[in-house]
PDB file of N, CA and C in Angstrom:
ATOM      1  N   MET A   1     -26.745 160.997 101.853  1.00  0.00           N
ATOM      2  CA  MET A   1     -26.508 159.402 102.533  1.00  0.00           C
ATOM      3  C   MET A   1     -27.197 158.715 100.713  1.00  0.00           C
ATOM      4  N   THR A   2     -26.119 157.537 100.844  1.00  0.00           N
ATOM      5  CA  THR A   2     -26.038 156.560  99.916  1.00  0.00           C
ATOM      6  C   THR A   2     -26.998 155.642 100.458  1.00  0.00           C
ATOM      7  N   LYS A   3     -28.084 155.093  99.602  1.00  0.00           N
ATOM      8  CA  LYS A   3     -28.910 154.362  99.255  1.00  0.00           C
ATOM      9  C   LYS A   3     -28.348 152.767  98.993  1.00  0.00           C
ATOM     10  N   THR A   4     -28.949 151.671  99.344  1.00  0.00           N
ATOM     11  CA  THR A   4     -28.052 150.466  98.939  1.00  0.00           C
ATOM     12  C   THR A   4     -28.507 150.289  97.308  1.00  0.00           C
ATOM     13  N   PRO A   5     -27.643 150.169  96.463  1.00  0.00           N
ATOM     14  CA  PRO A   5     -27.424 150.020  95.120  1.00  0.00           C
ATOM     15  C   PRO A   5     -28.569 148.719  95.172  1.00  0.00           C
ATOM     16  N   ARG A   6     -29.511 149.284  93.198  1.00  0.00           N
ATOM     17  CA  ARG A   6     -29.965 147.984  93.838  1.00  0.00           C
ATOM     18  C   ARG A   6     -29.378 146.880  92.430  1.00  0.00           C
ATOM     19  N   VAL A   7     -28.209 147.413  91.380  1.00  0.00           N
ATOM     20  CA  VAL A   7     -27.824 146.529  90.442  1.00  0.00           C
ATOM     21  C   VAL A   7     -26.168 146.587  91.619  1.00  0.00           C
ATOM     22  N   ILE A   8     -25.396 145.502  91.711  1.00  0.00           N
ATOM     23  CA  ILE A   8     -24.396 145.033  91.704  1.00  0.00           C
ATOM     24  C   ILE A   8     -24.658 143.690  91.884  1.00  0.00           C
ATOM     25  N   SER A   9     -23.163 143.371  91.032  1.00  0.00           N
ATOM     26  CA  SER A   9     -22.722 141.774  91.153  1.00  0.00           C
ATOM     27  C   SER A   9     -22.285 141.522  92.221  1.00  0.00           C
ATOM     28  N   GLY A  10     -22.246 140.286  92.680  1.00  0.00           N
ATOM     29  CA  GLY A  10     -21.330 139.314  93.232  1.00  0.00           C
ATOM     30  C   GLY A  10     -19.679 139.822  93.763  1.00  0.00           C
ATOM     31  N   ILE A  11     -19.158 139.610  92.380  1.00  0.00           N
ATOM     32  CA  ILE A  11     -18.065 140.063  92.105  1.00  0.00           C
ATOM     33  C   ILE A  11     -17.652 141.323  91.980  1.00  0.00           C
ATOM     34  N   ASN A  12     -18.572 142.201  91.281  1.00  0.00           N
ATOM     35  CA  ASN A  12     -18.051 143.614  91.538  1.00  0.00           C
ATOM     36  C   ASN A  12     -17.830 144.104  92.892  1.00  0.00           C
ATOM     37  N   LEU A  13     -19.198 143.563  94.043  1.00  0.00           N
ATOM     38  CA  LEU A  13     -18.916 144.149  95.555  1.00  0.00           C
ATOM     39  C   LEU A  13     -17.876 143.297  96.071  1.00  0.00           C
ATOM     40  N   SER A  14     -17.405 142.258  95.926  1.00  0.00           N
ATOM     41  CA  SER A  14     -16.031 142.049  96.446  1.00  0.00           C
ATOM     42  C   SER A  14     -14.656 142.665  95.686  1.00  0.00           C
ATOM     43  N   LYS A  15     -14.293 143.385  95.192  1.00  0.00           N
ATOM     44  CA  LYS A  15     -13.881 144.326  94.337  1.00  0.00           C
ATOM     45  C   LYS A  15     -13.364 145.282  95.377  1.00  0.00           C
ATOM     46  N   LEU A  16     -15.184 145.770  95.117  1.00  0.00           N
ATOM     47  CA  LEU A  16     -15.381 147.407  96.407  1.00  0.00           C
ATOM     48  C   LEU A  16     -14.836 146.642  97.435  1.00  0.00           C
ATOM     49  N   LEU A  17     -15.113 145.864  98.268  1.00  0.00           N
ATOM     50  CA  LEU A  17     -14.280 145.512  99.486  1.00  0.00           C
ATOM     51  C   LEU A  17     -12.946 145.253 100.236  1.00  0.00           C
ATOM     52  N   ARG A  18     -12.125 145.225  98.692  1.00  0.00           N
ATOM     53  CA  ARG A  18     -10.963 144.746  98.638  1.00  0.00           C
ATOM     54  C   ARG A  18     -10.332 145.900  99.636  1.00  0.00           C
ATOM     55  N   LYS A  19     -10.586 147.121  99.371  1.00  0.00           N
ATOM     56  CA  LYS A  19     -10.738 148.509 100.418  1.00  0.00           C
ATOM     57  C   LYS A  19     -10.912 148.428 102.149  1.00  0.00           C
ATOM     58  N   TYR A  20     -11.302 147.639 102.694  1.00  0.00           N
ATOM     59  CA  TYR A  20     -11.508 146.846 103.618  1.00  0.00           C
ATOM     60  C   TYR A  20     -10.332 145.442 104.433  1.00  0.00           C
ATOM     61  N   GLY A  21      -9.265 145.124 102.738  1.00  0.00           N
ATOM     62  CA  GLY A  21      -8.666 144.255 102.989  1.00  0.00           C
ATOM     63  C   GLY A  21      -9.155 142.581 102.721  1.00  0.00           C
ATOM     64  N   TYR A  22     -10.858 142.616 102.282  1.00  0.00           N
ATOM     65  CA  TYR A  22     -11.097 141.742 102.082  1.00  0.00           C
ATOM     66  C   TYR A  22     -10.946 141.083 100.952  1.00  0.00           C
ATOM     67  N   ASP A  23     -10.486 139.547 100.299  1.00  0.00           N
ATOM     68  CA  ASP A  23     -10.014 138.964  99.586  1.00  0.00           C
ATOM     69  C   ASP A  23     -10.543 138.050  99.855  1.00  0.00           C
ATOM     70  N   ILE A  24     -10.971 137.255  98.342  1.00  0.00           N
ATOM     71  CA  ILE A  24     -11.354 136.222  97.939  1.00  0.00           C
ATOM     72  C   ILE A  24     -10.232 135.074  98.445  1.00  0.00           C
ATOM     73  N   THR A  25     -10.504 133.971  99.216  1.00  0.00           N
ATOM     74  CA  THR A  25     -10.184 132.721 100.166  1.00  0.00           C
ATOM     75  C   THR A  25      -9.731 131.564  99.248  1.00  0.00           C
ATOM     76  N   ARG A  26     -11.853 131.605  98.831  1.00  0.00           N
ATOM     77  CA  ARG A  26     -11.875 130.595  98.394  1.00  0.00           C
ATOM     78  C   ARG A  26     -13.612 130.534  97.504  1.00  0.00           C
ATOM     79  N   GLN A  27     -13.906 129.627  96.615  1.00  0.00           N
ATOM     80  CA  GLN A  27     -15.046 129.408  95.760  1.00  0.00           C
ATOM     81  C   GLN A  27     -15.537 128.429  95.758  1.00  0.00           C
ATOM     82  N   THR A  28     -16.931 128.275  96.218  1.00  0.00           N
ATOM     83  CA  THR A  28     -17.217 126.948  96.481  1.00  0.00           C
ATOM     84  C   THR A  28     -18.761 127.260  95.732  1.00  0.00           C
ATOM     85  N   GLY A  29     -19.074 126.695  94.639  1.00  0.00           N
ATOM     86  CA  GLY A  29     -20.639 126.424  93.804  1.00  0.00           C
ATOM     87  C   GLY A  29     -20.106 128.168  93.060  1.00  0.00           C
ATOM     88  N   SER A  30     -21.398 128.651  93.405  1.00  0.00           N
ATOM     89  CA  SER A  30     -21.419 129.576  93.113  1.00  0.00           C
ATOM     90  C   SER A  30     -21.750 131.227  94.206  1.00  0.00           C
ATOM     91  N   HIS A  31     -21.012 130.419  95.240  1.00  0.00           N
ATOM     92  CA  HIS A  31     -20.257 131.961  96.263  1.00  0.00           C
ATOM     93  C   HIS A  31     -19.328 131.748  97.008  1.00  0.00           C
ATOM     94  N   LEU A  32     -18.844 132.923  96.703  1.00  0.00           N
ATOM     95  CA  LEU A  32     -17.351 133.104  97.506  1.00  0.00           C
ATOM     96  C   LEU A  32     -17.110 133.281  98.741  1.00  0.00           C
ATOM     97  N   ARG A  33     -15.727 133.280  98.703  1.00  0.00           N
ATOM     98  CA  ARG A  33     -15.784 133.466 100.361  1.00  0.00           C
ATOM     99  C   ARG A  33     -14.338 134.256 100.678  1.00  0.00           C
ATOM    100  N   LEU A  34     -15.119 135.706 101.419  1.00  0.00           N
ATOM    101  CA  LEU A  34     -14.208 136.837 101.709  1.00  0.00           C
ATOM    102  C   LEU A  34     -13.765 136.717 102.792  1.00  0.00           C
ATOM    103  N   THR A  35     -12.192 136.976 102.768  1.00  0.00           N
ATOM    104  CA  THR A  35     -11.414 137.305 104.840  1.00  0.00           C
ATOM    105  C   THR A  35     -10.970 138.316 104.965  1.00  0.00           C
ATOM    106  N   THR A  36     -11.152 138.874 105.614  1.00  0.00           N
ATOM    107  CA  THR A  36     -10.520 140.191 106.273  1.00  0.00           C
ATOM    108  C   THR A  36      -9.092 139.534 107.351  1.00  0.00           C
ATOM    109  N   ASN A  37      -8.501 140.567 107.824  1.00  0.00           N
ATOM    110  CA  ASN A  37      -7.948 140.480 109.190  1.00  0.00           C
ATOM    111  C   ASN A  37      -7.925 141.855 109.572  1.00  0.00           C
ATOM    112  N   ILE A  38      -8.433 143.026 108.918  1.00  0.00           N
ATOM    113  CA  ILE A  38      -8.758 143.954 109.805  1.00  0.00           C
ATOM    114  C   ILE A  38      -9.579 143.916 110.944  1.00  0.00           C
ATOM    115  N   ASN A  39      -9.264 144.389 111.985  1.00  0.00           N
ATOM    116  CA  ASN A  39      -9.450 143.921 113.483  1.00  0.00           C
ATOM    117  C   ASN A  39     -10.292 142.745 113.548  1.00  0.00           C
ATOM    118  N   GLY A  40      -9.357 142.342 113.218  1.00  0.00           N
ATOM    119  CA  GLY A  40      -9.264 140.692 113.586  1.00  0.00           C
ATOM    120  C   GLY A  40      -9.820 140.088 112.647  1.00  0.00           C
ATOM    121  N   SER A  41     -10.068 138.791 112.442  1.00  0.00           N
ATOM    122  CA  SER A  41     -10.322 137.463 111.500  1.00  0.00           C
ATOM    123  C   SER A  41     -11.740 137.763 111.078  1.00  0.00           C
ATOM    124  N   HIS A  42     -12.479 137.662 109.834  1.00  0.00           N
ATOM    125  CA  HIS A  42     -13.555 137.936 109.387  1.00  0.00           C
ATOM    126  C   HIS A  42     -13.934 137.428 107.946  1.00  0.00           C
ATOM    127  N   HIS A  43     -14.603 136.197 108.010  1.00  0.00           N
ATOM    128  CA  HIS A  43     -15.286 135.859 106.712  1.00  0.00           C
ATOM    129  C   HIS A  43     -16.653 136.547 106.694  1.00  0.00           C
ATOM    130  N   ILE A  44     -16.654 136.631 105.351  1.00  0.00           N
ATOM    131  CA  ILE A  44     -18.185 136.449 104.700  1.00  0.00           C
ATOM    132  C   ILE A  44     -18.061 136.153 103.360  1.00  0.00           C
ATOM    133  N   THR A  45     -19.575 135.022 103.020  1.00  0.00           N
ATOM    134  CA  THR A  45     -19.780 134.870 101.727  1.00  0.00           C
ATOM    135  C   THR A  45     -20.779 135.321 100.766  1.00  0.00           C
ATOM    136  N   ILE A  46     -20.177 135.604  99.752  1.00  0.00           N
ATOM    137  CA  ILE A  46     -21.448 136.582  98.934  1.00  0.00           C
ATOM    138  C   ILE A  46     -21.227 135.592  97.314  1.00  0.00           C
ATOM    139  N   PRO A  47     -23.081 135.252  97.318  1.00  0.00           N
ATOM    140  CA  PRO A  47     -22.965 134.618  96.043  1.00  0.00           C
ATOM    141  C   PRO A  47     -22.739 135.319  95.193  1.00  0.00           C
ATOM    142  N   ASN A  48     -22.084 134.638  94.091  1.00  0.00           N
ATOM    143  CA  ASN A  48     -21.889 134.891  93.062  1.00  0.00           C
ATOM    144  C   ASN A  48     -22.397 134.942  91.926  1.00  0.00           C
ATOM    145  N   HIS A  49     -23.237 136.147  92.207  1.00  0.00           N
ATOM    146  CA  HIS A  49     -24.477 136.367  91.053  1.00  0.00           C
ATOM    147  C   HIS A  49     -24.855 137.067  90.379  1.00  0.00           C
ATOM    148  N   LYS A  50     -24.663 137.474  89.429  1.00  0.00           N
ATOM    149  CA  LYS A  50     -24.779 138.981  88.345  1.00  0.00           C
ATOM    150  C   LYS A  50     -25.218 139.883  89.223  1.00  0.00           C
ATOM    151  N   PHE A  51     -26.662 139.703  89.731  1.00  0.00           N
ATOM    152  CA  PHE A  51     -27.747 140.205  90.774  1.00  0.00           C
ATOM    153  C   PHE A  51     -28.184 140.133  91.686  1.00  0.00           C
ATOM    154  N   LEU A  52     -26.516 140.718  92.550  1.00  0.00           N
ATOM    155  CA  LEU A  52     -27.338 140.869  94.240  1.00  0.00           C
ATOM    156  C   LEU A  52     -29.187 140.805  95.125  1.00  0.00           C
ATOM    157  N   LYS A  53     -29.609 139.915  95.619  1.00  0.00           N
ATOM    158  CA  LYS A  53     -30.877 140.433  95.616  1.00  0.00           C
ATOM    159  C   LYS A  53     -30.719 142.049  97.197  1.00  0.00           C
ATOM    160  N   VAL A  54     -31.386 142.836  96.760  1.00  0.00           N
ATOM    161  CA  VAL A  54     -31.281 143.948  97.760  1.00  0.00           C
ATOM    162  C   VAL A  54     -31.129 143.624  99.342  1.00  0.00           C
ATOM    163  N   GLY A  55     -31.863 142.530 100.000  1.00  0.00           N
ATOM    164  CA  GLY A  55     -32.098 141.765 101.080  1.00  0.00           C
ATOM    165  C   GLY A  55     -30.696 141.116 101.762  1.00  0.00           C
ATOM    166  N   THR A  56     -30.188 140.442 100.195  1.00  0.00           N
ATOM    167  CA  THR A  56     -28.872 139.528 100.339  1.00  0.00           C
ATOM    168  C   THR A  56     -27.706 141.189 100.721  1.00  0.00           C
ATOM    169  N   LEU A  57     -27.470 141.563 100.055  1.00  0.00           N
ATOM    170  CA  LEU A  57     -26.917 142.682  99.808  1.00  0.00           C
ATOM    171  C   LEU A  57     -26.820 143.449 101.410  1.00  0.00           C
ATOM    172  N   SER A  58     -27.898 143.720 101.504  1.00  0.00           N
ATOM    173  CA  SER A  58     -27.841 144.755 102.792  1.00  0.00           C
ATOM    174  C   SER A  58     -27.654 144.174 104.249  1.00  0.00           C
ATOM    175  N   SER A  59     -27.773 142.551 103.807  1.00  0.00           N
ATOM    176  CA  SER A  59     -27.207 141.974 105.144  1.00  0.00           C
ATOM    177  C   SER A  59     -25.996 141.436 104.568  1.00  0.00           C
ATOM    178  N   ILE A  60     -25.080 141.583 104.222  1.00  0.00           N
ATOM    179  CA  ILE A  60     -23.874 141.601 103.639  1.00  0.00           C
ATOM    180  C   ILE A  60     -23.195 142.436 104.632  1.00  0.00           C
ATOM    181  N   LEU A  61     -23.860 143.671 104.156  1.00  0.00           N
ATOM    182  CA  LEU A  61     -23.247 145.010 104.361  1.00  0.00           C
ATOM    183  C   LEU A  61     -23.496 145.259 106.019  1.00  0.00           C
ATOM    184  N   ASN A  62     -24.446 145.088 106.311  1.00  0.00           N
ATOM    185  CA  ASN A  62     -24.414 145.193 108.304  1.00  0.00           C
ATOM    186  C   ASN A  62     -23.790 144.475 108.823  1.00  0.00           C
ATOM    187  N   ASP A  63     -22.988 143.362 108.489  1.00  0.00           N
ATOM    188  CA  ASP A  63     -22.134 142.366 108.410  1.00  0.00           C
ATOM    189  C   ASP A  63     -20.413 142.783 108.565  1.00  0.00           C
ATOM    190  N   ILE A  64     -20.443 143.588 107.966  1.00  0.00           N
ATOM    191  CA  ILE A  64     -19.393 144.178 107.651  1.00  0.00           C
ATOM    192  C   ILE A  64     -19.390 145.437 108.123  1.00  0.00           C
ATOM    193  N   SER A  65     -20.228 145.928 108.347  1.00  0.00           N
ATOM    194  CA  SER A  65     -20.399 147.423 109.216  1.00  0.00           C
ATOM    195  C   SER A  65     -20.572 147.155 110.843  1.00  0.00           C
ATOM    196  N   SER A  66     -20.592 145.744 111.188  1.00  0.00           N
ATOM    197  CA  SER A  66     -20.856 145.485 112.394  1.00  0.00           C
ATOM    198  C   SER A  66     -19.436 145.056 112.820  1.00  0.00           C
ATOM    199  N   HIS A  67     -18.488 144.474 112.178  1.00  0.00           N
ATOM    200  CA  HIS A  67     -17.785 143.934 112.091  1.00  0.00           C
ATOM    201  C   HIS A  67     -16.109 144.843 111.988  1.00  0.00           C
ATOM    202  N   LEU A  68     -16.508 146.361 111.225  1.00  0.00           N
ATOM    203  CA  LEU A  68     -15.736 147.351 111.019  1.00  0.00           C
ATOM    204  C   LEU A  68     -15.955 148.165 112.481  1.00  0.00           C
ATOM    205  N   GLU A  69     -17.024 148.145 112.959  1.00  0.00           N
ATOM    206  CA  GLU A  69     -17.752 148.719 114.031  1.00  0.00           C
ATOM    207  C   GLU A  69     -18.180 150.264 112.884  1.00  0.00           C
ATOM    208  N   ILE A  70     -18.112 150.513 112.107  1.00  0.00           N
ATOM    209  CA  ILE A  70     -18.665 151.595 111.047  1.00  0.00           C
ATOM    210  C   ILE A  70     -20.024 151.851 111.386  1.00  0.00           C
ATOM    211  N   GLU A  71     -20.650 152.734 111.232  1.00  0.00           N
ATOM    212  CA  GLU A  71     -22.229 152.924 110.855  1.00  0.00           C
ATOM    213  C   GLU A  71     -22.601 151.911 109.075  1.00  0.00           C
ATOM    214  N   LYS A  72     -23.633 151.993 108.838  1.00  0.00           N
ATOM    215  CA  LYS A  72     -23.836 150.934 107.495  1.00  0.00           C
ATOM    216  C   LYS A  72     -23.513 152.732 106.585  1.00  0.00           C
ATOM    217  N   SER A  73     -24.302 153.417 107.128  1.00  0.00           N
ATOM    218  CA  SER A  73     -24.435 154.602 106.322  1.00  0.00           C
ATOM    219  C   SER A  73     -22.937 154.956 105.898  1.00  0.00           C
ATOM    220  N   GLN A  74     -21.815 155.133 106.958  1.00  0.00           N
ATOM    221  CA  GLN A  74     -20.763 155.252 106.433  1.00  0.00           C
ATOM    222  C   GLN A  74     -20.334 154.187 105.190  1.00  0.00           C
ATOM    223  N   LEU A  75     -19.934 152.884 105.821  1.00  0.00           N
ATOM    224  CA  LEU A  75     -19.792 151.759 104.655  1.00  0.00           C
ATOM    225  C   LEU A  75     -20.323 152.123 103.251  1.00  0.00           C
ATOM    226  N   LEU A  76     -21.730 152.576 103.243  1.00  0.00           N
ATOM    227  CA  LEU A  76     -22.274 152.744 101.828  1.00  0.00           C
ATOM    228  C   LEU A  76     -21.013 154.156 101.159  1.00  0.00           C
ATOM    229  N   ASN A  77     -21.217 155.083 101.582  1.00  0.00           N
ATOM    230  CA  ASN A  77     -20.509 156.015 101.625  1.00  0.00           C
ATOM    231  C   ASN A  77     -19.313 155.415 100.663  1.00  0.00           C
ATOM    232  N   GLU A  78     -18.928 154.875 101.809  1.00  0.00           N
ATOM    233  CA  GLU A  78     -17.444 154.748 100.723  1.00  0.00           C
ATOM    234  C   GLU A  78     -17.274 153.972 100.061  1.00  0.00           C
ATOM    235  N   LEU A  79     -18.406 152.909 100.015  1.00  0.00           N
ATOM    236  CA  LEU A  79     -18.031 151.570  98.859  1.00  0.00           C
ATOM    237  C   LEU A  79     -18.584 152.360  97.717  1.00  0.00           C
ATOM    238  N   PHE A  80     -19.561 153.250  98.010  1.00  0.00           N
ATOM    239  CA  PHE A  80     -20.348 153.154  96.476  1.00  0.00           C
ATOM    240  C   PHE A  80     -20.591 154.842  95.840  1.00  0.00           C
ATOM    241  N   ASN A  81     -19.360 155.825  96.487  1.00  0.00           N
ATOM    242  CA  ASN A  81     -19.230 157.177  96.283  1.00  0.00           C
ATOM    243  C   ASN A  81     -17.701 157.803  95.736  1.00  0.00           C
TER     244      ASN A  81
END
C-alpha cells in the first residue's frame, strides 16, 4: 500500500490526474479547477501551491476516489507507483 506523498505540488498533482481524464478548465488566483467526464462530470479545485498540505491532498484524493468508485488505496497506487 502506497502512503500519501508528503511533498507534491498542485501542478504536479494535476498532471498525474490526467490519467483519469482531469484537465484544467480554469484558474482563479492560486487555485486550479479540474474537470473530468469519466463516470459522469466531476469538478475538483486544487491549490496551485508549491507543496500541498497532507490533509488537503488527502481530501482531494478522497473526493476523486469516491467519484471514480475505487478505493483510495488503489488510487494512490495508480498515481504514485
